[in-house]
Structures are given as C-alpha cells and as structure tokens.
C-alpha cells in the first residue's frame, strides 16, 4: 500500500541537488558554532527562513539562526 506524506505543495518543495567535487571545493565555512562537540545525527535547514536545526546523539535538538549567528534554546527529548 502506498501512503502519501504531506501535501502536494510540500512534496514539490523537496529539492534535490547533486553536489559535484568542483562545487564542494569552492565552498567555504560561513559560520562555525562551537557549543557542542558530539556527533550530530541529523540536520535540516528551514525552507523559508535562516534556521538550521540539528539533532544529536545526546538526544538534544539545537535550533540555530544562521543569519544572526546565534543558537536558540536547546531542548532535550524526554524519556
């Protein structure tokens, strides 16, 4: 059975980008956040704002405002 996830517009907003070696070599670090030294298991940019959200092995969720170079309140998953 095929199950639809999200609305039609949400599915259309998902964009894939193939990164070639030439593109990767031309990139530079813009901001370096040093509030956490553990392993990041997942990260995602918000599609219409400057937020990056990471999930880490310590079960934390960290929202970063990359345009302001700030971190918002860190949340931990409840057990």
PDB file of N, CA and C in Angstrom:
ATOM      1  N   UNK A   1       0.841  -1.179   0.000  1.00  0.00           N
ATOM      2  CA  UNK A   1       0.000   0.000   0.000  1.00  0.00           C
ATOM      3  C   UNK A   1       0.887   1.243   0.000  1.00  0.00           C
ATOM      4  N   UNK A   2       0.591   2.194  -0.856  1.00  0.00           N
ATOM      5  CA  UNK A   2       1.342   3.447  -0.954  1.00  0.00           C
ATOM      6  C   UNK A   2       0.663   4.498  -0.085  1.00  0.00           C
ATOM      7  N   UNK A   3       1.441   5.120   0.781  1.00  0.00           N
ATOM      8  CA  UNK A   3       0.890   6.142   1.673  1.00  0.00           C
ATOM      9  C   UNK A   3       1.478   7.491   1.303  1.00  0.00           C
ATOM     10  N   UNK A   4       0.620   8.496   1.144  1.00  0.00           N
ATOM     11  CA  UNK A   4       1.079   9.847   0.832  1.00  0.00           C
ATOM     12  C   UNK A   4       1.495  10.547   2.112  1.00  0.00           C
ATOM     13  N   UNK A   5       2.596  11.275   2.032  1.00  0.00           N
ATOM     14  CA  UNK A   5       3.086  12.035   3.177  1.00  0.00           C
ATOM     15  C   UNK A   5       3.141  13.494   2.778  1.00  0.00           C
ATOM     16  N   UNK A   6       2.492  14.356   3.556  1.00  0.00           N
ATOM     17  CA  UNK A   6       2.499  15.788   3.282  1.00  0.00           C
ATOM     18  C   UNK A   6       1.575  16.148   2.130  1.00  0.00           C
ATOM     19  N   UNK A   7       1.384  17.434   1.960  1.00  0.00           N
ATOM     20  CA  UNK A   7       0.523  17.920   0.883  1.00  0.00           C
ATOM     21  C   UNK A   7       1.286  17.901  -0.435  1.00  0.00           C
ATOM     22  N   UNK A   8       0.573  18.103  -1.521  1.00  0.00           N
ATOM     23  CA  UNK A   8       1.200  18.146  -2.845  1.00  0.00           C
ATOM     24  C   UNK A   8       2.275  19.228  -2.887  1.00  0.00           C
ATOM     25  N   UNK A   9       1.979  20.420  -2.345  1.00  0.00           N
ATOM     26  CA  UNK A   9       2.957  21.511  -2.387  1.00  0.00           C
ATOM     27  C   UNK A   9       4.171  21.201  -1.528  1.00  0.00           C
ATOM     28  N   UNK A  10       3.995  20.504  -0.396  1.00  0.00           N
ATOM     29  CA  UNK A  10       5.135  20.123   0.435  1.00  0.00           C
ATOM     30  C   UNK A  10       6.038  19.151  -0.305  1.00  0.00           C
ATOM     31  N   UNK A  11       5.457  18.203  -1.017  1.00  0.00           N
ATOM     32  CA  UNK A  11       6.263  17.245  -1.766  1.00  0.00           C
ATOM     33  C   UNK A  11       6.993  17.936  -2.907  1.00  0.00           C
ATOM     34  N   UNK A  12       6.374  18.912  -3.540  1.00  0.00           N
ATOM     35  CA  UNK A  12       7.011  19.630  -4.636  1.00  0.00           C
ATOM     36  C   UNK A  12       8.128  20.536  -4.143  1.00  0.00           C
ATOM     37  N   UNK A  13       8.083  20.963  -2.873  1.00  0.00           N
ATOM     38  CA  UNK A  13       9.112  21.834  -2.318  1.00  0.00           C
ATOM     39  C   UNK A  13      10.405  21.087  -2.014  1.00  0.00           C
ATOM     40  N   UNK A  14      10.362  19.775  -1.943  1.00  0.00           N
ATOM     41  CA  UNK A  14      11.574  18.999  -1.712  1.00  0.00           C
ATOM     42  C   UNK A  14      12.434  19.067  -2.961  1.00  0.00           C
ATOM     43  N   UNK A  15      13.649  19.546  -2.804  1.00  0.00           N
ATOM     44  CA  UNK A  15      14.537  19.735  -3.940  1.00  0.00           C
ATOM     45  C   UNK A  15      15.800  18.923  -3.719  1.00  0.00           C
ATOM     46  N   UNK A  16      16.240  18.256  -4.757  1.00  0.00           N
ATOM     47  CA  UNK A  16      17.500  17.523  -4.704  1.00  0.00           C
ATOM     48  C   UNK A  16      18.554  18.332  -5.439  1.00  0.00           C
ATOM     49  N   UNK A  17      19.763  18.250  -4.951  1.00  0.00           N
ATOM     50  CA  UNK A  17      20.875  18.942  -5.583  1.00  0.00           C
ATOM     51  C   UNK A  17      22.057  18.001  -5.604  1.00  0.00           C
ATOM     52  N   UNK A  18      22.570  17.748  -6.776  1.00  0.00           N
ATOM     53  CA  UNK A  18      23.745  16.898  -6.887  1.00  0.00           C
ATOM     54  C   UNK A  18      24.976  17.780  -6.713  1.00  0.00           C
ATOM     55  N   UNK A  19      25.798  17.441  -5.740  1.00  0.00           N
ATOM     56  CA  UNK A  19      26.996  18.228  -5.468  1.00  0.00           C
ATOM     57  C   UNK A  19      28.198  17.576  -6.142  1.00  0.00           C
ATOM     58  N   UNK A  20      28.782  18.290  -7.046  1.00  0.00           N
ATOM     59  CA  UNK A  20      29.964  17.809  -7.737  1.00  0.00           C
ATOM     60  C   UNK A  20      31.207  18.252  -6.972  1.00  0.00           C
ATOM     61  N   UNK A  21      32.304  17.550  -7.171  1.00  0.00           N
ATOM     62  CA  UNK A  21      33.563  17.847  -6.478  1.00  0.00           C
ATOM     63  C   UNK A  21      33.959  19.313  -6.660  1.00  0.00           C
ATOM     64  N   UNK A  22      33.785  19.846  -7.849  1.00  0.00           N
ATOM     65  CA  UNK A  22      34.140  21.243  -8.130  1.00  0.00           C
ATOM     66  C   UNK A  22      33.337  22.205  -7.258  1.00  0.00           C
ATOM     67  N   UNK A  23      32.057  21.930  -7.078  1.00  0.00           N
ATOM     68  CA  UNK A  23      31.205  22.774  -6.237  1.00  0.00           C
ATOM     69  C   UNK A  23      31.646  22.679  -4.785  1.00  0.00           C
ATOM     70  N   UNK A  24      31.871  21.462  -4.305  1.00  0.00           N
ATOM     71  CA  UNK A  24      32.287  21.275  -2.916  1.00  0.00           C
ATOM     72  C   UNK A  24      33.608  21.970  -2.625  1.00  0.00           C
ATOM     73  N   UNK A  25      34.554  21.911  -3.541  1.00  0.00           N
ATOM     74  CA  UNK A  25      35.857  22.546  -3.331  1.00  0.00           C
ATOM     75  C   UNK A  25      35.762  24.066  -3.320  1.00  0.00           C
ATOM     76  N   UNK A  26      34.733  24.621  -3.936  1.00  0.00           N
ATOM     77  CA  UNK A  26      34.593  26.078  -3.977  1.00  0.00           C
ATOM     78  C   UNK A  26      33.883  26.638  -2.743  1.00  0.00           C
ATOM     79  N   UNK A  27      33.337  25.769  -1.899  1.00  0.00           N
ATOM     80  CA  UNK A  27      32.602  26.221  -0.713  1.00  0.00           C
ATOM     81  C   UNK A  27      33.548  26.596   0.417  1.00  0.00           C
ATOM     82  N   UNK A  28      33.107  27.546   1.238  1.00  0.00           N
ATOM     83  CA  UNK A  28      33.868  27.977   2.408  1.00  0.00           C
ATOM     84  C   UNK A  28      32.962  27.951   3.629  1.00  0.00           C
ATOM     85  N   UNK A  29      33.567  27.843   4.799  1.00  0.00           N
ATOM     86  CA  UNK A  29      32.809  27.886   6.047  1.00  0.00           C
ATOM     87  C   UNK A  29      32.334  29.310   6.262  1.00  0.00           C
ATOM     88  N   UNK A  30      31.029  29.475   6.483  1.00  0.00           N
ATOM     89  CA  UNK A  30      30.470  30.799   6.731  1.00  0.00           C
ATOM     90  C   UNK A  30      30.380  31.103   8.215  1.00  0.00           C
ATOM     91  N   UNK A  31      29.917  30.126   8.995  1.00  0.00           N
ATOM     92  CA  UNK A  31      29.746  30.268  10.440  1.00  0.00           C
ATOM     93  C   UNK A  31      30.143  28.954  11.083  1.00  0.00           C
ATOM     94  N   UNK A  32      30.804  29.043  12.207  1.00  0.00           N
ATOM     95  CA  UNK A  32      31.164  27.837  12.955  1.00  0.00           C
ATOM     96  C   UNK A  32      30.609  27.955  14.367  1.00  0.00           C
ATOM     97  N   UNK A  33      29.627  27.114  14.694  1.00  0.00           N
ATOM     98  CA  UNK A  33      29.062  27.083  16.040  1.00  0.00           C
ATOM     99  C   UNK A  33      29.853  26.070  16.857  1.00  0.00           C
ATOM    100  N   UNK A  34      30.290  26.444  18.052  1.00  0.00           N
ATOM    101  CA  UNK A  34      31.132  25.569  18.862  1.00  0.00           C
ATOM    102  C   UNK A  34      30.504  25.233  20.211  1.00  0.00           C
ATOM    103  N   UNK A  35      29.196  25.173  20.259  1.00  0.00           N
ATOM    104  CA  UNK A  35      28.507  24.904  21.522  1.00  0.00           C
ATOM    105  C   UNK A  35      28.376  23.417  21.814  1.00  0.00           C
ATOM    106  N   UNK A  36      28.694  22.565  20.849  1.00  0.00           N
ATOM    107  CA  UNK A  36      28.519  21.120  21.032  1.00  0.00           C
ATOM    108  C   UNK A  36      29.605  20.393  20.254  1.00  0.00           C
ATOM    109  N   UNK A  37      30.286  19.454  20.903  1.00  0.00           N
ATOM    110  CA  UNK A  37      31.375  18.727  20.251  1.00  0.00           C
ATOM    111  C   UNK A  37      31.032  17.284  19.937  1.00  0.00           C
ATOM    112  N   UNK A  38      29.796  16.863  20.238  1.00  0.00           N
ATOM    113  CA  UNK A  38      29.394  15.484  19.986  1.00  0.00           C
ATOM    114  C   UNK A  38      28.962  15.265  18.545  1.00  0.00           C
ATOM    115  N   UNK A  39      28.485  14.066  18.306  1.00  0.00           N
ATOM    116  CA  UNK A  39      28.054  13.684  16.966  1.00  0.00           C
ATOM    117  C   UNK A  39      26.659  14.239  16.665  1.00  0.00           C
ATOM    118  N   UNK A  40      26.520  14.844  15.505  1.00  0.00           N
ATOM    119  CA  UNK A  40      25.227  15.325  15.030  1.00  0.00           C
ATOM    120  C   UNK A  40      24.644  14.237  14.143  1.00  0.00           C
ATOM    121  N   UNK A  41      23.445  13.781  14.488  1.00  0.00           N
ATOM    122  CA  UNK A  41      22.841  12.679  13.741  1.00  0.00           C
ATOM    123  C   UNK A  41      21.943  13.148  12.601  1.00  0.00           C
ATOM    124  N   UNK A  42      21.484  14.398  12.674  1.00  0.00           N
ATOM    125  CA  UNK A  42      20.598  14.912  11.629  1.00  0.00           C
ATOM    126  C   UNK A  42      20.645  16.435  11.638  1.00  0.00           C
ATOM    127  N   UNK A  43      20.491  17.020  10.456  1.00  0.00           N
ATOM    128  CA  UNK A  43      20.412  18.475  10.361  1.00  0.00           C
ATOM    129  C   UNK A  43      19.524  18.846   9.185  1.00  0.00           C
ATOM    130  N   UNK A  44      18.830  19.984   9.338  1.00  0.00           N
ATOM    131  CA  UNK A  44      17.903  20.401   8.302  1.00  0.00           C
ATOM    132  C   UNK A  44      17.744  21.919   8.336  1.00  0.00           C
ATOM    133  N   UNK A  45      17.816  22.546   7.174  1.00  0.00           N
ATOM    134  CA  UNK A  45      17.547  23.976   7.061  1.00  0.00           C
ATOM    135  C   UNK A  45      16.057  24.184   6.848  1.00  0.00           C
ATOM    136  N   UNK A  46      15.502  25.217   7.496  1.00  0.00           N
ATOM    137  CA  UNK A  46      14.106  25.582   7.261  1.00  0.00           C
ATOM    138  C   UNK A  46      14.006  26.114   5.838  1.00  0.00           C
ATOM    139  N   UNK A  47      12.946  25.760   5.136  1.00  0.00           N
ATOM    140  CA  UNK A  47      12.854  26.117   3.718  1.00  0.00           C
ATOM    141  C   UNK A  47      12.631  27.600   3.446  1.00  0.00           C
ATOM    142  N   UNK A  48      12.122  28.365   4.424  1.00  0.00           N
ATOM    143  CA  UNK A  48      11.842  29.776   4.136  1.00  0.00           C
ATOM    144  C   UNK A  48      12.407  30.736   5.181  1.00  0.00           C
ATOM    145  N   UNK A  49      13.303  30.265   6.020  1.00  0.00           N
ATOM    146  CA  UNK A  49      13.936  31.172   6.983  1.00  0.00           C
ATOM    147  C   UNK A  49      15.407  30.807   7.114  1.00  0.00           C
ATOM    148  N   UNK A  50      16.088  31.455   8.021  1.00  0.00           N
ATOM    149  CA  UNK A  50      17.527  31.231   8.162  1.00  0.00           C
ATOM    150  C   UNK A  50      17.854  30.268   9.299  1.00  0.00           C
ATOM    151  N   UNK A  51      16.927  29.390   9.646  1.00  0.00           N
ATOM    152  CA  UNK A  51      17.161  28.462  10.754  1.00  0.00           C
ATOM    153  C   UNK A  51      17.704  27.121  10.286  1.00  0.00           C
ATOM    154  N   UNK A  52      18.659  26.622  11.048  1.00  0.00           N
ATOM    155  CA  UNK A  52      19.202  25.278  10.900  1.00  0.00           C
ATOM    156  C   UNK A  52      18.904  24.558  12.203  1.00  0.00           C
ATOM    157  N   UNK A  53      18.330  23.368  12.123  1.00  0.00           N
ATOM    158  CA  UNK A  53      18.024  22.583  13.318  1.00  0.00           C
ATOM    159  C   UNK A  53      18.842  21.309  13.263  1.00  0.00           C
ATOM    160  N   UNK A  54      19.509  20.990  14.384  1.00  0.00           N
ATOM    161  CA  UNK A  54      20.282  19.754  14.454  1.00  0.00           C
ATOM    162  C   UNK A  54      19.733  18.857  15.552  1.00  0.00           C
ATOM    163  N   UNK A  55      19.882  17.559  15.349  1.00  0.00           N
ATOM    164  CA  UNK A  55      19.573  16.558  16.369  1.00  0.00           C
ATOM    165  C   UNK A  55      20.875  15.815  16.636  1.00  0.00           C
ATOM    166  N   UNK A  56      21.140  15.523  17.908  1.00  0.00           N
ATOM    167  CA  UNK A  56      22.424  14.945  18.281  1.00  0.00           C
ATOM    168  C   UNK A  56      22.270  13.663  19.075  1.00  0.00           C
ATOM    169  N   UNK A  57      23.375  12.941  19.192  1.00  0.00           N
ATOM    170  CA  UNK A  57      23.388  11.670  19.919  1.00  0.00           C
ATOM    171  C   UNK A  57      23.041  11.822  21.393  1.00  0.00           C
ATOM    172  N   UNK A  58      23.198  13.015  21.960  1.00  0.00           N
ATOM    173  CA  UNK A  58      22.828  13.227  23.365  1.00  0.00           C
ATOM    174  C   UNK A  58      21.329  13.513  23.508  1.00  0.00           C
ATOM    175  N   UNK A  59      20.570  13.276  22.428  1.00  0.00           N
ATOM    176  CA  UNK A  59      19.119  13.475  22.366  1.00  0.00           C
ATOM    177  C   UNK A  59      18.715  14.944  22.488  1.00  0.00           C
ATOM    178  N   UNK A  60      19.597  15.831  22.053  1.00  0.00           N
ATOM    179  CA  UNK A  60      19.289  17.260  22.062  1.00  0.00           C
ATOM    180  C   UNK A  60      18.861  17.714  20.672  1.00  0.00           C
ATOM    181  N   UNK A  61      18.073  18.782  20.673  1.00  0.00           N
ATOM    182  CA  UNK A  61      17.671  19.455  19.446  1.00  0.00           C
ATOM    183  C   UNK A  61      18.133  20.897  19.585  1.00  0.00           C
ATOM    184  N   UNK A  62      18.932  21.346  18.621  1.00  0.00           N
ATOM    185  CA  UNK A  62      19.505  22.689  18.684  1.00  0.00           C
ATOM    186  C   UNK A  62      19.090  23.504  17.458  1.00  0.00           C
ATOM    187  N   UNK A  63      18.319  24.571  17.666  1.00  0.00           N
ATOM    188  CA  UNK A  63      17.966  25.460  16.552  1.00  0.00           C
ATOM    189  C   UNK A  63      18.954  26.629  16.474  1.00  0.00           C
ATOM    190  N   UNK A  64      19.530  26.825  15.312  1.00  0.00           N
ATOM    191  CA  UNK A  64      20.488  27.904  15.083  1.00  0.00           C
ATOM    192  C   UNK A  64      19.900  28.899  14.098  1.00  0.00           C
ATOM    193  N   UNK A  65      20.054  30.185  14.392  1.00  0.00           N
ATOM    194  CA  UNK A  65      19.716  31.230  13.427  1.00  0.00           C
ATOM    195  C   UNK A  65      21.020  31.568  12.720  1.00  0.00           C
ATOM    196  N   UNK A  66      21.205  31.054  11.519  1.00  0.00           N
ATOM    197  CA  UNK A  66      22.491  31.213  10.849  1.00  0.00           C
ATOM    198  C   UNK A  66      22.737  32.632  10.354  1.00  0.00           C
ATOM    199  N   UNK A  67      21.687  33.406  10.090  1.00  0.00           N
ATOM    200  CA  UNK A  67      21.911  34.786   9.643  1.00  0.00           C
ATOM    201  C   UNK A  67      22.363  35.680  10.792  1.00  0.00           C
ATOM    202  N   UNK A  68      21.915  35.385  12.014  1.00  0.00           N
ATOM    203  CA  UNK A  68      22.314  36.166  13.189  1.00  0.00           C
ATOM    204  C   UNK A  68      23.466  35.514  13.950  1.00  0.00           C
ATOM    205  N   UNK A  69      23.865  34.309  13.532  1.00  0.00           N
ATOM    206  CA  UNK A  69      24.940  33.546  14.183  1.00  0.00           C
ATOM    207  C   UNK A  69      24.653  33.318  15.665  1.00  0.00           C
ATOM    208  N   UNK A  70      23.411  32.904  15.958  1.00  0.00           N
ATOM    209  CA  UNK A  70      23.016  32.641  17.341  1.00  0.00           C
ATOM    210  C   UNK A  70      22.349  31.275  17.445  1.00  0.00           C
ATOM    211  N   UNK A  71      22.351  30.736  18.666  1.00  0.00           N
ATOM    212  CA  UNK A  71      21.639  29.499  18.941  1.00  0.00           C
ATOM    213  C   UNK A  71      20.457  29.825  19.842  1.00  0.00           C
ATOM    214  N   UNK A  72      19.329  29.204  19.571  1.00  0.00           N
ATOM    215  CA  UNK A  72      18.157  29.367  20.426  1.00  0.00           C
ATOM    216  C   UNK A  72      18.236  28.358  21.560  1.00  0.00           C
ATOM    217  N   UNK A  73      17.176  28.234  22.324  1.00  0.00           N
ATOM    218  CA  UNK A  73      17.143  27.332  23.471  1.00  0.00           C
ATOM    219  C   UNK A  73      17.304  25.880  23.036  1.00  0.00           C
ATOM    220  N   UNK A  74      18.232  25.172  23.674  1.00  0.00           N
ATOM    221  CA  UNK A  74      18.459  23.754  23.401  1.00  0.00           C
ATOM    222  C   UNK A  74      17.396  22.939  24.118  1.00  0.00           C
ATOM    223  N   UNK A  75      16.811  21.976  23.432  1.00  0.00           N
ATOM    224  CA  UNK A  75      15.799  21.094  24.020  1.00  0.00           C
ATOM    225  C   UNK A  75      16.332  19.668  24.049  1.00  0.00           C
ATOM    226  N   UNK A  76      15.913  18.909  25.064  1.00  0.00           N
ATOM    227  CA  UNK A  76      16.287  17.503  25.166  1.00  0.00           C
ATOM    228  C   UNK A  76      15.030  16.663  25.115  1.00  0.00           C
ATOM    229  N   UNK A  77      15.103  15.532  24.433  1.00  0.00           N
ATOM    230  CA  UNK A  77      13.967  14.626  24.343  1.00  0.00           C
ATOM    231  C   UNK A  77      13.688  14.012  25.699  1.00  0.00           C
ATOM    232  N   UNK A  78      12.424  13.946  26.065  1.00  0.00           N
ATOM    233  CA  UNK A  78      12.030  13.350  27.347  1.00  0.00           C
ATOM    234  C   UNK A  78      11.959  11.839  27.202  1.00  0.00           C
ATOM    235  N   UNK A  79      12.339  11.153  28.238  1.00  0.00           N
ATOM    236  CA  UNK A  79      12.262   9.682  28.234  1.00  0.00           C
ATOM    237  C   UNK A  79      11.181   9.225  29.140  1.00  0.00           C
TER     238      UNK A  79
END
